[in-house]
Amino acid sequence: MNILSRGAAPVAVMVGVLVGTVALAGCTAEGSSAGPDSAAVSAAATSPAPAASAEEPRAAHEGPARATASPSSRPAPRGAVAGIPDPADLPPMATGIVQPDGDSAVTEPDRGTTVRLVGVTSHVAEGSGRGDLGGPAVLVEIRVDAPEGTELAPFVDLRTGRDGVPASPVTGDSEDRPLPGVVGRQGTATGVYVFSLPSSDVTGVLVTVGIASDTPVSAFAVEVDG
């Protein structure tokens, strides 16, 4: 009995050791198989977040970008004045309408007849004649180059606004000096016409000039100087 008891104790100890060893090996194997996933979780938890772009906070702080002006919002160049009729919209003329090249329009190429718009300048009219209107106005200076002795039957018209409202001539103003009926010796005739304006805010006008009933009409879309 005593011998058997003594022999059983070492056996039990060895069995316990073997069981412990197997259990330890199993835990180690499980730890090894879970190792990569644990490392990935640990790395994800400890890796720093991507740095925010330096431009993003600045854009949020400053608000949306400012809109740039469209080409359609830029000032009209000289000779293409906004807010006045286009010469192409004028009523048809029996003799036709000449589109000028700059400030000059050749109405009779075979005779060398040229109509030139010298200038359109601001003026304060002094209406003294019947129906004359004093106040805001313009001086329209016209020059005609043609052979000496050429007979003229001139007429000058001025319109304002998109609807092409005709302006009233101020024939009683001291600055009003119409073109003569005949071209002089120098082959040049000049005239100044005064037209009343609806207000001093008018910046562009459409001037049409005819020098005879059988010649084309010259149309000038121009800005008012001064």
C-alpha atoms as a PDB file:
ATOM      1  CA  MET A   1       0.000   0.000   0.000  1.00  0.00           C
ATOM      2  CA  ASN A   2       2.718   2.377   0.963  1.00  0.00           C
ATOM      3  CA  ILE A   3       4.791   1.465  -2.077  1.00  0.00           C
ATOM      4  CA  LEU A   4       1.826   1.938  -4.368  1.00  0.00           C
ATOM      5  CA  SER A   5       1.060   5.335  -2.870  1.00  0.00           C
ATOM      6  CA  ARG A   6       4.581   6.477  -3.268  1.00  0.00           C
ATOM      7  CA  GLY A   7       4.717   5.312  -6.909  1.00  0.00           C
ATOM      8  CA  ALA A   8       1.435   7.058  -7.774  1.00  0.00           C
ATOM      9  CA  ALA A   9       2.626  10.443  -6.599  1.00  0.00           C
ATOM     10  CA  PRO A  10       5.463  10.764  -9.112  1.00  0.00           C
ATOM     11  CA  VAL A  11       3.128   9.574 -11.858  1.00  0.00           C
ATOM     12  CA  ALA A  12       0.583  12.197 -10.932  1.00  0.00           C
ATOM     13  CA  VAL A  13       3.223  14.864 -10.917  1.00  0.00           C
ATOM     14  CA  MET A  14       4.450  13.868 -14.347  1.00  0.00           C
ATOM     15  CA  VAL A  15       0.894  13.841 -15.727  1.00  0.00           C
ATOM     16  CA  GLY A  16       0.333  17.310 -14.333  1.00  0.00           C
ATOM     17  CA  VAL A  17       3.510  18.559 -15.915  1.00  0.00           C
ATOM     18  CA  LEU A  18       2.539  17.095 -19.269  1.00  0.00           C
ATOM     19  CA  VAL A  19      -0.926  18.625 -19.109  1.00  0.00           C
ATOM     20  CA  GLY A  20       0.540  22.003 -18.207  1.00  0.00           C
ATOM     21  CA  THR A  21       3.031  21.799 -21.034  1.00  0.00           C
ATOM     22  CA  VAL A  22       0.304  20.998 -23.567  1.00  0.00           C
ATOM     23  CA  ALA A  23      -1.855  23.841 -22.301  1.00  0.00           C
ATOM     24  CA  LEU A  24       1.058  26.257 -22.478  1.00  0.00           C
ATOM     25  CA  ALA A  25       1.844  25.170 -26.038  1.00  0.00           C
ATOM     26  CA  GLY A  26      -1.783  25.712 -27.045  1.00  0.00           C
ATOM     27  CA  CYS A  27      -1.784  29.233 -25.625  1.00  0.00           C
ATOM     28  CA  THR A  28       1.461  30.014 -27.396  1.00  0.00           C
ATOM     29  CA  ALA A  29       0.080  28.753 -30.720  1.00  0.00           C
ATOM     30  CA  GLU A  30      -3.074  30.828 -30.327  1.00  0.00           C
ATOM     31  CA  GLY A  31      -0.999  33.875 -29.468  1.00  0.00           C
ATOM     32  CA  SER A  32       1.155  33.324 -32.569  1.00  0.00           C
ATOM     33  CA  SER A  33      -1.858  33.006 -34.895  1.00  0.00           C
ATOM     34  CA  ALA A  34      -3.438  36.200 -33.515  1.00  0.00           C
ATOM     35  CA  GLY A  35      -0.173  38.104 -33.586  1.00  0.00           C
ATOM     36  CA  PRO A  36      -0.420  39.773 -37.017  1.00  0.00           C
ATOM     37  CA  ASP A  37      -3.989  40.991 -36.442  1.00  0.00           C
ATOM     38  CA  SER A  38      -3.085  42.349 -33.043  1.00  0.00           C
ATOM     39  CA  ALA A  39      -0.070  44.120 -34.482  1.00  0.00           C
ATOM     40  CA  ALA A  40      -2.202  45.680 -37.225  1.00  0.00           C
ATOM     41  CA  VAL A  41      -4.770  46.886 -34.682  1.00  0.00           C
ATOM     42  CA  SER A  42      -2.019  48.270 -32.505  1.00  0.00           C
ATOM     43  CA  ALA A  43      -0.352  50.010 -35.448  1.00  0.00           C
ATOM     44  CA  ALA A  44      -3.660  51.496 -36.608  1.00  0.00           C
ATOM     45  CA  ALA A  45      -4.398  52.758 -33.138  1.00  0.00           C
ATOM     46  CA  THR A  46      -0.996  54.337 -32.634  1.00  0.00           C
ATOM     47  CA  SER A  47      -0.251  55.632 -36.187  1.00  0.00           C
ATOM     48  CA  PRO A  48      -0.785  59.430 -36.500  1.00  0.00           C
ATOM     49  CA  ALA A  49      -3.715  60.751 -38.564  1.00  0.00           C
ATOM     50  CA  PRO A  50      -2.825  62.300 -41.952  1.00  0.00           C
ATOM     51  CA  ALA A  51      -1.934  65.965 -41.601  1.00  0.00           C
ATOM     52  CA  ALA A  52      -4.612  68.342 -42.891  1.00  0.00           C
ATOM     53  CA  SER A  53      -3.710  70.384 -45.944  1.00  0.00           C
ATOM     54  CA  ALA A  54      -2.533  73.871 -45.100  1.00  0.00           C
ATOM     55  CA  GLU A  55      -4.799  75.267 -47.807  1.00  0.00           C
ATOM     56  CA  GLU A  56      -8.049  73.751 -46.483  1.00  0.00           C
ATOM     57  CA  PRO A  57      -8.296  75.754 -43.238  1.00  0.00           C
ATOM     58  CA  ARG A  58      -7.287  78.924 -45.074  1.00  0.00           C
ATOM     59  CA  ALA A  59      -9.990  78.430 -47.716  1.00  0.00           C
ATOM     60  CA  ALA A  60     -12.604  77.747 -45.046  1.00  0.00           C
ATOM     61  CA  HIS A  61     -11.533  80.838 -43.156  1.00  0.00           C
ATOM     62  CA  GLU A  62     -11.514  83.110 -46.146  1.00  0.00           C
ATOM     63  CA  GLY A  63     -14.807  81.878 -47.585  1.00  0.00           C
ATOM     64  CA  PRO A  64     -15.543  81.144 -51.249  1.00  0.00           C
ATOM     65  CA  ALA A  65     -13.252  82.514 -53.929  1.00  0.00           C
ATOM     66  CA  ARG A  66     -14.221  85.843 -55.437  1.00  0.00           C
ATOM     67  CA  ALA A  67     -15.843  85.734 -58.857  1.00  0.00           C
ATOM     68  CA  THR A  68     -13.845  87.269 -61.659  1.00  0.00           C
ATOM     69  CA  ALA A  69     -15.394  89.729 -64.048  1.00  0.00           C
ATOM     70  CA  SER A  70     -16.762  88.182 -67.206  1.00  0.00           C
ATOM     71  CA  PRO A  71     -15.585  89.532 -70.535  1.00  0.00           C
ATOM     72  CA  SER A  72     -19.189  90.650 -70.996  1.00  0.00           C
ATOM     73  CA  SER A  73     -18.791  92.848 -67.701  1.00  0.00           C
ATOM     74  CA  ARG A  74     -15.695  94.841 -69.164  1.00  0.00           C
ATOM     75  CA  PRO A  75     -16.037  98.543 -70.443  1.00  0.00           C
ATOM     76  CA  ALA A  76     -17.012  98.916 -74.138  1.00  0.00           C
ATOM     77  CA  PRO A  77     -14.150 100.061 -76.366  1.00  0.00           C
ATOM     78  CA  ARG A  78     -14.328 103.404 -78.114  1.00  0.00           C
ATOM     79  CA  GLY A  79     -16.504 103.152 -81.208  1.00  0.00           C
ATOM     80  CA  ALA A  80     -18.549 100.285 -79.713  1.00  0.00           C
ATOM     81  CA  VAL A  81     -20.522 102.245 -77.147  1.00  0.00           C
ATOM     82  CA  ALA A  82     -22.976 100.437 -74.901  1.00  0.00           C
ATOM     83  CA  GLY A  83     -26.468 101.833 -74.394  1.00  0.00           C
ATOM     84  CA  ILE A  84     -27.013 103.369 -77.845  1.00  0.00           C
ATOM     85  CA  PRO A  85     -28.532 102.013 -81.060  1.00  0.00           C
ATOM     86  CA  ASP A  86     -26.402  99.950 -83.373  1.00  0.00           C
ATOM     87  CA  PRO A  87     -26.047 101.603 -86.798  1.00  0.00           C
ATOM     88  CA  ALA A  88     -27.230  98.320 -88.292  1.00  0.00           C
ATOM     89  CA  ASP A  89     -30.622  98.880 -86.601  1.00  0.00           C
ATOM     90  CA  LEU A  90     -31.281 102.167 -88.411  1.00  0.00           C
ATOM     91  CA  PRO A  91     -34.196 102.219 -90.861  1.00  0.00           C
ATOM     92  CA  PRO A  92     -33.201 101.372 -94.430  1.00  0.00           C
ATOM     93  CA  MET A  93     -32.090 104.363 -96.479  1.00  0.00           C
ATOM     94  CA  ALA A  94     -32.651 104.602-100.212  1.00  0.00           C
ATOM     95  CA  THR A  95     -29.033 105.592-100.686  1.00  0.00           C
ATOM     96  CA  GLY A  96     -27.634 103.117 -98.152  1.00  0.00           C
ATOM     97  CA  ILE A  97     -25.689 103.529 -94.912  1.00  0.00           C
ATOM     98  CA  VAL A  98     -21.912 103.719 -94.806  1.00  0.00           C
ATOM     99  CA  GLN A  99     -20.133 102.217 -91.809  1.00  0.00           C
ATOM    100  CA  PRO A 100     -17.174 104.485 -91.045  1.00  0.00           C
ATOM    101  CA  ASP A 101     -13.589 103.405 -90.629  1.00  0.00           C
ATOM    102  CA  GLY A 102     -12.754 105.128 -87.367  1.00  0.00           C
ATOM    103  CA  ASP A 103     -13.991 108.708 -87.566  1.00  0.00           C
ATOM    104  CA  SER A 104     -14.231 108.845 -91.378  1.00  0.00           C
ATOM    105  CA  ALA A 105     -16.691 107.495 -93.925  1.00  0.00           C
ATOM    106  CA  VAL A 106     -16.100 107.550 -97.676  1.00  0.00           C
ATOM    107  CA  THR A 107     -19.478 108.283 -99.273  1.00  0.00           C
ATOM    108  CA  GLU A 108     -18.356 108.756-102.898  1.00  0.00           C
ATOM    109  CA  PRO A 109     -15.143 106.842-103.603  1.00  0.00           C
ATOM    110  CA  ASP A 110     -15.037 107.889-107.267  1.00  0.00           C
ATOM    111  CA  ARG A 111     -15.063 111.577-106.323  1.00  0.00           C
ATOM    112  CA  GLY A 112     -13.043 111.238-103.142  1.00  0.00           C
ATOM    113  CA  THR A 113     -15.878 112.544-100.967  1.00  0.00           C
ATOM    114  CA  THR A 114     -15.334 111.805 -97.298  1.00  0.00           C
ATOM    115  CA  VAL A 115     -17.454 112.640 -94.259  1.00  0.00           C
ATOM    116  CA  ARG A 116     -15.525 112.943 -91.019  1.00  0.00           C
ATOM    117  CA  LEU A 117     -16.900 113.206 -87.507  1.00  0.00           C
ATOM    118  CA  VAL A 118     -14.379 115.539 -85.915  1.00  0.00           C
ATOM    119  CA  GLY A 119     -15.809 115.231 -82.422  1.00  0.00           C
ATOM    120  CA  VAL A 120     -18.814 115.114 -80.091  1.00  0.00           C
ATOM    121  CA  THR A 121     -18.264 117.198 -76.966  1.00  0.00           C
ATOM    122  CA  SER A 122     -20.371 118.116 -73.947  1.00  0.00           C
ATOM    123  CA  HIS A 123     -22.033 121.509 -74.007  1.00  0.00           C
ATOM    124  CA  VAL A 124     -24.596 123.572 -72.110  1.00  0.00           C
ATOM    125  CA  ALA A 125     -27.041 124.867 -74.674  1.00  0.00           C
ATOM    126  CA  GLU A 126     -28.412 128.384 -74.601  1.00  0.00           C
ATOM    127  CA  GLY A 127     -31.686 127.974 -76.377  1.00  0.00           C
ATOM    128  CA  SER A 128     -32.875 131.301 -77.784  1.00  0.00           C
ATOM    129  CA  GLY A 129     -34.828 130.254 -80.853  1.00  0.00           C
ATOM    130  CA  ARG A 130     -38.363 129.011 -81.043  1.00  0.00           C
ATOM    131  CA  GLY A 131     -38.574 125.482 -79.653  1.00  0.00           C
ATOM    132  CA  ASP A 132     -34.932 125.488 -78.502  1.00  0.00           C
ATOM    133  CA  LEU A 133     -34.148 123.680 -75.269  1.00  0.00           C
ATOM    134  CA  GLY A 134     -31.455 124.983 -72.953  1.00  0.00           C
ATOM    135  CA  GLY A 135     -29.434 122.723 -70.681  1.00  0.00           C
ATOM    136  CA  PRO A 136     -27.355 119.572 -71.282  1.00  0.00           C
ATOM    137  CA  ALA A 137     -26.292 119.284 -74.911  1.00  0.00           C
ATOM    138  CA  VAL A 138     -23.501 118.252 -77.253  1.00  0.00           C
ATOM    139  CA  LEU A 139     -21.555 119.927 -80.026  1.00  0.00           C
ATOM    140  CA  VAL A 140     -21.239 117.758 -83.129  1.00  0.00           C
ATOM    141  CA  GLU A 141     -18.472 118.896 -85.469  1.00  0.00           C
ATOM    142  CA  ILE A 142     -18.586 117.592 -89.045  1.00  0.00           C
ATOM    143  CA  ARG A 143     -16.031 117.927 -91.827  1.00  0.00           C
ATOM    144  CA  VAL A 144     -16.592 117.104 -95.474  1.00  0.00           C
ATOM    145  CA  ASP A 145     -13.704 116.642 -97.889  1.00  0.00           C
ATOM    146  CA  ALA A 146     -14.807 116.861-101.515  1.00  0.00           C
ATOM    147  CA  PRO A 147     -13.805 118.548-104.781  1.00  0.00           C
ATOM    148  CA  GLU A 148     -14.129 122.303-104.785  1.00  0.00           C
ATOM    149  CA  GLY A 149     -17.555 123.483-105.808  1.00  0.00           C
ATOM    150  CA  THR A 150     -19.329 120.280-104.753  1.00  0.00           C
ATOM    151  CA  GLU A 151     -22.884 121.168-103.819  1.00  0.00           C
ATOM    152  CA  LEU A 152     -24.077 119.972-100.416  1.00  0.00           C
ATOM    153  CA  ALA A 153     -27.550 119.438 -99.030  1.00  0.00           C
ATOM    154  CA  PRO A 154     -26.481 118.349 -95.562  1.00  0.00           C
ATOM    155  CA  PHE A 155     -28.532 116.991 -92.743  1.00  0.00           C
ATOM    156  CA  VAL A 156     -27.325 115.722 -89.349  1.00  0.00           C
ATOM    157  CA  ASP A 157     -29.303 113.582 -86.931  1.00  0.00           C
ATOM    158  CA  LEU A 158     -28.427 112.499 -83.368  1.00  0.00           C
ATOM    159  CA  ARG A 159     -30.022 109.750 -81.279  1.00  0.00           C
ATOM    160  CA  THR A 160     -29.578 108.583 -77.702  1.00  0.00           C
ATOM    161  CA  GLY A 161     -30.521 105.555 -75.619  1.00  0.00           C
ATOM    162  CA  ARG A 162     -31.126 101.970 -76.658  1.00  0.00           C
ATOM    163  CA  ASP A 163     -34.389 102.973 -78.312  1.00  0.00           C
ATOM    164  CA  GLY A 164     -32.693 105.587 -80.478  1.00  0.00           C
ATOM    165  CA  VAL A 165     -34.631 108.592 -79.260  1.00  0.00           C
ATOM    166  CA  PRO A 166     -33.991 111.564 -81.605  1.00  0.00           C
ATOM    167  CA  ALA A 167     -32.339 114.553 -79.950  1.00  0.00           C
ATOM    168  CA  SER A 168     -33.676 118.051 -80.571  1.00  0.00           C
ATOM    169  CA  PRO A 169     -31.424 120.470 -82.474  1.00  0.00           C
ATOM    170  CA  VAL A 170     -30.714 123.806 -80.791  1.00  0.00           C
ATOM    171  CA  THR A 171     -30.425 126.098 -83.798  1.00  0.00           C
ATOM    172  CA  GLY A 172     -30.499 129.278 -81.721  1.00  0.00           C
ATOM    173  CA  ASP A 173     -27.293 128.454 -79.821  1.00  0.00           C
ATOM    174  CA  SER A 174     -24.322 130.659 -80.693  1.00  0.00           C
ATOM    175  CA  GLU A 175     -22.168 127.558 -81.357  1.00  0.00           C
ATOM    176  CA  ASP A 176     -24.521 126.190 -84.003  1.00  0.00           C
ATOM    177  CA  ARG A 177     -22.915 126.698 -87.443  1.00  0.00           C
ATOM    178  CA  PRO A 178     -24.274 124.254 -90.068  1.00  0.00           C
ATOM    179  CA  LEU A 179     -22.325 123.009 -93.082  1.00  0.00           C
ATOM    180  CA  PRO A 180     -22.369 125.367 -96.079  1.00  0.00           C
ATOM    181  CA  GLY A 181     -24.169 124.564 -99.311  1.00  0.00           C
ATOM    182  CA  VAL A 182     -20.956 124.417-101.377  1.00  0.00           C
ATOM    183  CA  VAL A 183     -17.473 123.052-100.697  1.00  0.00           C
ATOM    184  CA  GLY A 184     -14.916 125.875-100.723  1.00  0.00           C
ATOM    185  CA  ARG A 185     -11.578 126.299-102.428  1.00  0.00           C
ATOM    186  CA  GLN A 186      -9.658 124.173 -99.960  1.00  0.00           C
ATOM    187  CA  GLY A 187     -11.850 121.200-100.820  1.00  0.00           C
ATOM    188  CA  THR A 188     -13.135 121.186 -97.227  1.00  0.00           C
ATOM    189  CA  ALA A 189     -16.366 122.233 -95.549  1.00  0.00           C
ATOM    190  CA  THR A 190     -16.938 122.214 -91.772  1.00  0.00           C
ATOM    191  CA  GLY A 191     -19.969 122.654 -89.586  1.00  0.00           C
ATOM    192  CA  VAL A 192     -20.994 122.454 -85.930  1.00  0.00           C
ATOM    193  CA  TYR A 193     -24.414 121.270 -84.784  1.00  0.00           C
ATOM    194  CA  VAL A 194     -25.882 121.598 -81.297  1.00  0.00           C
ATOM    195  CA  PHE A 195     -28.237 118.936 -79.964  1.00  0.00           C
ATOM    196  CA  SER A 196     -30.087 118.882 -76.673  1.00  0.00           C
ATOM    197  CA  LEU A 197     -29.682 115.808 -74.447  1.00  0.00           C
ATOM    198  CA  PRO A 198     -32.224 114.309 -72.029  1.00  0.00           C
ATOM    199  CA  SER A 199     -29.629 114.529 -69.238  1.00  0.00           C
ATOM    200  CA  SER A 200     -25.955 115.167 -68.617  1.00  0.00           C
ATOM    201  CA  ASP A 201     -25.488 111.429 -67.896  1.00  0.00           C
ATOM    202  CA  VAL A 202     -25.581 110.519 -71.589  1.00  0.00           C
ATOM    203  CA  THR A 203     -22.177 109.088 -72.512  1.00  0.00           C
ATOM    204  CA  GLY A 204     -22.740 107.770 -76.034  1.00  0.00           C
ATOM    205  CA  VAL A 205     -24.683 108.889 -79.098  1.00  0.00           C
ATOM    206  CA  LEU A 206     -25.440 107.785 -82.632  1.00  0.00           C
ATOM    207  CA  VAL A 207     -24.805 110.463 -85.259  1.00  0.00           C
ATOM    208  CA  THR A 208     -25.972 110.109 -88.859  1.00  0.00           C
ATOM    209  CA  VAL A 209     -24.768 112.510 -91.530  1.00  0.00           C
ATOM    210  CA  GLY A 210     -25.960 112.979 -95.065  1.00  0.00           C
ATOM    211  CA  ILE A 211     -24.468 115.504 -97.478  1.00  0.00           C
ATOM    212  CA  ALA A 212     -26.780 115.075-100.457  1.00  0.00           C
ATOM    213  CA  SER A 213     -29.955 113.269-101.388  1.00  0.00           C
ATOM    214  CA  ASP A 214     -28.140 110.911-103.752  1.00  0.00           C
ATOM    215  CA  THR A 215     -25.229 109.875-101.491  1.00  0.00           C
ATOM    216  CA  PRO A 216     -25.126 107.268 -98.718  1.00  0.00           C
ATOM    217  CA  VAL A 217     -25.671 108.264 -95.101  1.00  0.00           C
ATOM    218  CA  SER A 218     -22.740 107.947 -92.685  1.00  0.00           C
ATOM    219  CA  ALA A 219     -23.504 106.521 -89.231  1.00  0.00           C
ATOM    220  CA  PHE A 220     -21.181 107.057 -86.257  1.00  0.00           C
ATOM    221  CA  ALA A 221     -21.643 105.420 -82.845  1.00  0.00           C
ATOM    222  CA  VAL A 222     -19.366 107.408 -80.553  1.00  0.00           C
ATOM    223  CA  GLU A 223     -18.701 108.418 -76.977  1.00  0.00           C
ATOM    224  CA  VAL A 224     -19.223 111.966 -75.772  1.00  0.00           C
ATOM    225  CA  ASP A 225     -15.999 113.774 -74.878  1.00  0.00           C
ATOM    226  CA  GLY A 226     -15.766 115.921 -71.798  1.00  0.00           C
END
